[in-house]
C-alpha atoms as a PDB file:
ATOM      1  CA  MET A   1      25.030 -33.657  14.220  1.00  0.00           C
ATOM      2  CA  ALA A   2      22.657 -32.318  11.587  1.00  0.00           C
ATOM      3  CA  MET A   3      24.015 -29.982   8.933  1.00  0.00           C
ATOM      4  CA  TYR A   4      20.692 -28.108   8.744  1.00  0.00           C
ATOM      5  CA  ASN A   5      18.165 -27.499  11.495  1.00  0.00           C
ATOM      6  CA  ASP A   6      14.436 -28.240  11.149  1.00  0.00           C
ATOM      7  CA  LYS A   7      13.517 -24.614  10.430  1.00  0.00           C
ATOM      8  CA  VAL A   8      15.984 -24.373   7.528  1.00  0.00           C
ATOM      9  CA  ILE A   9      14.736 -27.676   6.106  1.00  0.00           C
ATOM     10  CA  ASP A  10      11.120 -26.536   6.451  1.00  0.00           C
ATOM     11  CA  HIS A  11      11.759 -23.228   4.652  1.00  0.00           C
ATOM     12  CA  PHE A  12      13.656 -25.104   1.928  1.00  0.00           C
ATOM     13  CA  THR A  13      10.971 -27.751   1.387  1.00  0.00           C
ATOM     14  CA  ASN A  14       7.973 -25.434   2.022  1.00  0.00           C
ATOM     15  CA  PRO A  15       9.180 -21.929   1.154  1.00  0.00           C
ATOM     16  CA  HIS A  16       6.938 -18.942   1.879  1.00  0.00           C
ATOM     17  CA  ASN A  17       6.275 -16.053  -0.543  1.00  0.00           C
ATOM     18  CA  VAL A  18       7.595 -17.719  -3.701  1.00  0.00           C
ATOM     19  CA  GLY A  19       6.956 -15.899  -6.977  1.00  0.00           C
ATOM     20  CA  GLU A  20       6.866 -12.354  -8.223  1.00  0.00           C
ATOM     21  CA  PHE A  21       4.411  -9.528  -8.804  1.00  0.00           C
ATOM     22  CA  GLU A  22       3.312  -8.385 -12.235  1.00  0.00           C
ATOM     23  CA  ASN A  23       3.956  -4.744 -11.296  1.00  0.00           C
ATOM     24  CA  PRO A  24       6.182  -4.664  -8.224  1.00  0.00           C
ATOM     25  CA  ASP A  25       6.754  -1.386  -6.448  1.00  0.00           C
ATOM     26  CA  GLY A  26      10.397  -2.401  -6.088  1.00  0.00           C
ATOM     27  CA  GLU A  27      12.520  -5.273  -7.272  1.00  0.00           C
ATOM     28  CA  GLY A  28      16.079  -6.222  -6.466  1.00  0.00           C
ATOM     29  CA  THR A  29      18.319  -9.001  -7.701  1.00  0.00           C
ATOM     30  CA  TYR A  30      21.560 -10.056  -6.145  1.00  0.00           C
ATOM     31  CA  GLY A  31      23.940 -12.951  -6.348  1.00  0.00           C
ATOM     32  CA  SER A  32      26.761 -14.493  -8.222  1.00  0.00           C
ATOM     33  CA  PRO A  33      26.197 -16.256 -11.541  1.00  0.00           C
ATOM     34  CA  VAL A  34      29.509 -18.059 -11.044  1.00  0.00           C
ATOM     35  CA  CYS A  35      28.480 -19.290  -7.601  1.00  0.00           C
ATOM     36  CA  GLY A  36      25.008 -20.198  -8.753  1.00  0.00           C
ATOM     37  CA  ASP A  37      23.036 -18.441  -6.018  1.00  0.00           C
ATOM     38  CA  MET A  38      20.847 -15.658  -7.440  1.00  0.00           C
ATOM     39  CA  MET A  39      18.045 -14.051  -5.465  1.00  0.00           C
ATOM     40  CA  LYS A  40      15.314 -11.685  -6.648  1.00  0.00           C
ATOM     41  CA  ILE A  41      13.026 -10.005  -4.146  1.00  0.00           C
ATOM     42  CA  SER A  42       9.945  -8.037  -5.209  1.00  0.00           C
ATOM     43  CA  ILE A  43       7.984  -5.788  -2.878  1.00  0.00           C
ATOM     44  CA  LYS A  44       4.634  -4.039  -2.701  1.00  0.00           C
ATOM     45  CA  VAL A  45       4.578  -0.845  -0.647  1.00  0.00           C
ATOM     46  CA  LYS A  46       1.775   1.333   0.716  1.00  0.00           C
ATOM     47  CA  ASP A  47       2.381   4.390   2.900  1.00  0.00           C
ATOM     48  CA  ASP A  48       6.057   3.389   3.344  1.00  0.00           C
ATOM     49  CA  VAL A  49       5.108  -0.051   4.678  1.00  0.00           C
ATOM     50  CA  ILE A  50       5.991  -3.255   2.832  1.00  0.00           C
ATOM     51  CA  THR A  51       2.595  -4.883   2.432  1.00  0.00           C
ATOM     52  CA  ASP A  52       3.835  -7.941   0.544  1.00  0.00           C
ATOM     53  CA  ALA A  53       7.064  -9.501  -0.665  1.00  0.00           C
ATOM     54  CA  ARG A  54       7.899 -12.318  -3.049  1.00  0.00           C
ATOM     55  CA  PHE A  55      11.112 -14.033  -4.063  1.00  0.00           C
ATOM     56  CA  LYS A  56      12.576 -16.129  -6.819  1.00  0.00           C
ATOM     57  CA  THR A  57      15.843 -17.803  -5.975  1.00  0.00           C
ATOM     58  CA  PHE A  58      18.135 -19.959  -8.019  1.00  0.00           C
ATOM     59  CA  GLY A  59      20.561 -21.741  -5.781  1.00  0.00           C
ATOM     60  CA  CYS A  60      21.139 -23.979  -2.858  1.00  0.00           C
ATOM     61  CA  GLY A  61      18.673 -24.897  -0.140  1.00  0.00           C
ATOM     62  CA  SER A  62      20.217 -22.361   2.231  1.00  0.00           C
ATOM     63  CA  ALA A  63      19.602 -19.559  -0.274  1.00  0.00           C
ATOM     64  CA  ILE A  64      15.987 -20.634  -0.709  1.00  0.00           C
ATOM     65  CA  ALA A  65      15.450 -20.860   3.057  1.00  0.00           C
ATOM     66  CA  SER A  66      17.102 -17.450   3.543  1.00  0.00           C
ATOM     67  CA  SER A  67      14.836 -15.917   0.892  1.00  0.00           C
ATOM     68  CA  SER A  68      11.739 -17.419   2.485  1.00  0.00           C
ATOM     69  CA  VAL A  69      12.609 -16.189   5.976  1.00  0.00           C
ATOM     70  CA  ALA A  70      13.778 -12.768   4.743  1.00  0.00           C
ATOM     71  CA  THR A  71      10.504 -12.080   2.923  1.00  0.00           C
ATOM     72  CA  ASP A  72       8.539 -13.187   6.003  1.00  0.00           C
ATOM     73  CA  MET A  73      10.636 -10.790   8.088  1.00  0.00           C
ATOM     74  CA  ILE A  74      10.000  -7.681   5.970  1.00  0.00           C
ATOM     75  CA  ILE A  75       6.264  -8.023   5.319  1.00  0.00           C
ATOM     76  CA  GLY A  76       4.489  -5.465   7.514  1.00  0.00           C
ATOM     77  CA  LYS A  77       7.653  -3.483   8.280  1.00  0.00           C
ATOM     78  CA  THR A  78       8.210   0.140   7.380  1.00  0.00           C
ATOM     79  CA  ILE A  79      10.805   0.756   4.698  1.00  0.00           C
ATOM     80  CA  GLU A  80      13.315   1.993   7.293  1.00  0.00           C
ATOM     81  CA  ASP A  81      12.716  -1.045   9.519  1.00  0.00           C
ATOM     82  CA  ALA A  82      13.135  -3.386   6.536  1.00  0.00           C
ATOM     83  CA  LEU A  83      16.372  -1.607   5.611  1.00  0.00           C
ATOM     84  CA  ALA A  84      17.629  -2.322   9.122  1.00  0.00           C
ATOM     85  CA  VAL A  85      17.244  -6.100   8.668  1.00  0.00           C
ATOM     86  CA  THR A  86      20.740  -7.566   8.670  1.00  0.00           C
ATOM     87  CA  ASN A  87      22.175 -10.784   7.365  1.00  0.00           C
ATOM     88  CA  GLN A  88      22.789 -11.774  11.007  1.00  0.00           C
ATOM     89  CA  GLU A  89      19.076 -11.335  11.782  1.00  0.00           C
ATOM     90  CA  VAL A  90      18.156 -13.525   8.798  1.00  0.00           C
ATOM     91  CA  LEU A  91      20.686 -16.081   9.994  1.00  0.00           C
ATOM     92  CA  ASP A  92      19.336 -15.909  13.563  1.00  0.00           C
ATOM     93  CA  GLU A  93      15.742 -16.236  12.359  1.00  0.00           C
ATOM     94  CA  LEU A  94      16.749 -19.404  10.497  1.00  0.00           C
ATOM     95  CA  GLY A  95      18.387 -20.734  13.638  1.00  0.00           C
ATOM     96  CA  GLY A  96      21.784 -20.794  11.929  1.00  0.00           C
ATOM     97  CA  LEU A  97      23.390 -22.224   8.823  1.00  0.00           C
ATOM     98  CA  PRO A  98      26.561 -24.233   8.271  1.00  0.00           C
ATOM     99  CA  PRO A  99      29.547 -21.824   8.149  1.00  0.00           C
ATOM    100  CA  ILE A 100      30.074 -22.318   4.422  1.00  0.00           C
ATOM    101  CA  LYS A 101      26.438 -21.299   3.769  1.00  0.00           C
ATOM    102  CA  ILE A 102      26.302 -18.087   5.829  1.00  0.00           C
ATOM    103  CA  HIS A 103      26.781 -16.070   2.635  1.00  0.00           C
ATOM    104  CA  CYS A 104      23.174 -16.937   1.712  1.00  0.00           C
ATOM    105  CA  SER A 105      21.861 -14.654   4.453  1.00  0.00           C
ATOM    106  CA  VAL A 106      24.031 -11.876   2.984  1.00  0.00           C
ATOM    107  CA  LEU A 107      22.338 -12.406  -0.380  1.00  0.00           C
ATOM    108  CA  ALA A 108      18.930 -11.837   1.243  1.00  0.00           C
ATOM    109  CA  ASP A 109      20.095  -8.694   3.027  1.00  0.00           C
ATOM    110  CA  HIS A 110      21.450  -7.221  -0.215  1.00  0.00           C
ATOM    111  CA  ALA A 111      18.414  -8.267  -2.305  1.00  0.00           C
ATOM    112  CA  ILE A 112      16.053  -6.565   0.185  1.00  0.00           C
ATOM    113  CA  LYS A 113      18.069  -3.356   0.034  1.00  0.00           C
ATOM    114  CA  SER A 114      18.189  -3.571  -3.779  1.00  0.00           C
ATOM    115  CA  ALA A 115      14.381  -3.911  -3.969  1.00  0.00           C
ATOM    116  CA  ILE A 116      13.940  -0.924  -1.667  1.00  0.00           C
ATOM    117  CA  PHE A 117      16.558   1.029  -3.649  1.00  0.00           C
ATOM    118  CA  ASP A 118      14.509   0.350  -6.817  1.00  0.00           C
ATOM    119  CA  TYR A 119      11.336   1.480  -5.040  1.00  0.00           C
ATOM    120  CA  ALA A 120      13.044   4.664  -3.831  1.00  0.00           C
ATOM    121  CA  GLN A 121      14.394   5.427  -7.319  1.00  0.00           C
ATOM    122  CA  LYS A 122      10.967   4.936  -8.933  1.00  0.00           C
ATOM    123  CA  ASN A 123       9.304   7.198  -6.378  1.00  0.00           C
ATOM    124  CA  GLY A 124      11.940   9.884  -5.847  1.00  0.00           C
ATOM    125  CA  LYS A 125      12.366   8.937  -2.190  1.00  0.00           C
ATOM    126  CA  THR A 126      15.431   8.850   0.013  1.00  0.00           C
ATOM    127  CA  TYR A 127      15.953   6.700   3.065  1.00  0.00           C
ATOM    128  CA  LYS A 128      18.660   6.910   5.670  1.00  0.00           C
ATOM    129  CA  GLY A 129      19.149   3.130   5.453  1.00  0.00           C
ATOM    130  CA  LEU A 130      20.136   3.467   1.781  1.00  0.00           C
ATOM    131  CA  GLU A 131      22.876   6.067   2.347  1.00  0.00           C
ATOM    132  CA  GLY A 132      25.996   4.831   0.583  1.00  0.00           C
ATOM    133  CA  PHE A 133      24.238   1.698  -0.686  1.00  0.00           C
ATOM    134  CA  ASP A 134      25.234   0.523  -4.156  1.00  0.00           C
ATOM    135  CA  PRO A 135      22.927  -2.195  -5.519  1.00  0.00           C
ATOM    136  CA  ASN A 136      25.726  -3.414  -7.794  1.00  0.00           C
ATOM    137  CA  ALA A 137      28.402  -3.690  -5.098  1.00  0.00           C
ATOM    138  CA  ASP A 138      30.117  -7.075  -4.815  1.00  0.00           C
ATOM    139  CA  GLU A 139      28.173  -8.408  -7.795  1.00  0.00           C
ATOM    140  CA  ASP A 140      31.404  -9.530  -9.436  1.00  0.00           C
ATOM    141  CA  ASP A 141      32.520 -11.749  -6.544  1.00  0.00           C
ATOM    142  CA  THR A 142      33.350 -15.083  -8.043  1.00  0.00           C
ATOM    143  CA  ASN A 143      32.717 -17.254  -5.011  1.00  0.00           C
ATOM    144  CA  HIS A 144      30.656 -16.454  -1.941  1.00  0.00           C
ATOM    145  CA  GLY A 145      31.649 -19.755  -0.390  1.00  0.00           C
ATOM    146  CA  CYS A 146      29.228 -21.697  -2.532  1.00  0.00           C
ATOM    147  CA  ASP A 147      29.229 -25.348  -3.175  1.00  0.00           C
ATOM    148  CA  MET A 148      25.700 -25.555  -4.472  1.00  0.00           C
ATOM    149  CA  GLU A 149      25.629 -29.110  -5.758  1.00  0.00           C
ATOM    150  CA  SER A 150      27.088 -30.754  -2.661  1.00  0.00           C
ATOM    151  CA  SER A 151      25.008 -28.518  -0.370  1.00  0.00           C
ATOM    152  CA  VAL A 152      21.721 -29.440  -2.054  1.00  0.00           C
ATOM    153  CA  ASP A 153      22.734 -33.121  -2.109  1.00  0.00           C
ATOM    154  CA  ALA A 154      23.528 -32.991   1.621  1.00  0.00           C
ATOM    155  CA  MET A 155      20.219 -31.296   2.399  1.00  0.00           C
ATOM    156  CA  VAL A 156      18.228 -33.807   0.322  1.00  0.00           C
ATOM    157  CA  ASP A 157      20.068 -36.693   2.030  1.00  0.00           C
ATOM    158  CA  GLU A 158      19.252 -35.202   5.441  1.00  0.00           C
ATOM    159  CA  ILE A 159      15.575 -34.783   4.529  1.00  0.00           C
ATOM    160  CA  LYS A 160      15.377 -38.378   3.287  1.00  0.00           C
ATOM    161  CA  SER A 161      17.125 -39.648   6.410  1.00  0.00           C
ATOM    162  CA  ASP A 162      14.777 -37.654   8.649  1.00  0.00           C
ATOM    163  CA  ARG A 163      11.729 -39.019   6.843  1.00  0.00           C
ATOM    164  CA  LEU A 164      13.020 -42.588   7.182  1.00  0.00           C
ATOM    165  CA  LYS A 165      13.316 -42.110  10.943  1.00  0.00           C
ATOM    166  CA  ARG A 166       9.656 -41.117  11.242  1.00  0.00           C
END
């Protein structure tokens, strides 16, 4: 049985919305330097709607795929609707991840909220979805279940194997 489904592999090998904006309306970074997965999401906002989103992720293939899907999911959403995006929805949109990699969808969820938090702070806005949110919460976790090197190696092996079958 495959460790990663086709959608995860596609978002890892052909990620959407990679990069950053010169002057983002909001920017949020989240991850664990010890683990190796770090995610930065930048947003552009007009009339409380996210008009564009970009990401830069350092980490495993699951983190990259989660970032790609998460940015796709929030573009065109209102701020409140984007704040309602959960790690489970990111995971579902990907079609699942191996159990040890589920934490990557949590990184996306937190990075989105952090970017919106930054936007709200810059613009003096408050949103119900940010009540009680701390952009620095859990930042000191030492291991989110990461095994970056073996995960990337496994994904690359699976991609090579899939290409050989074609």
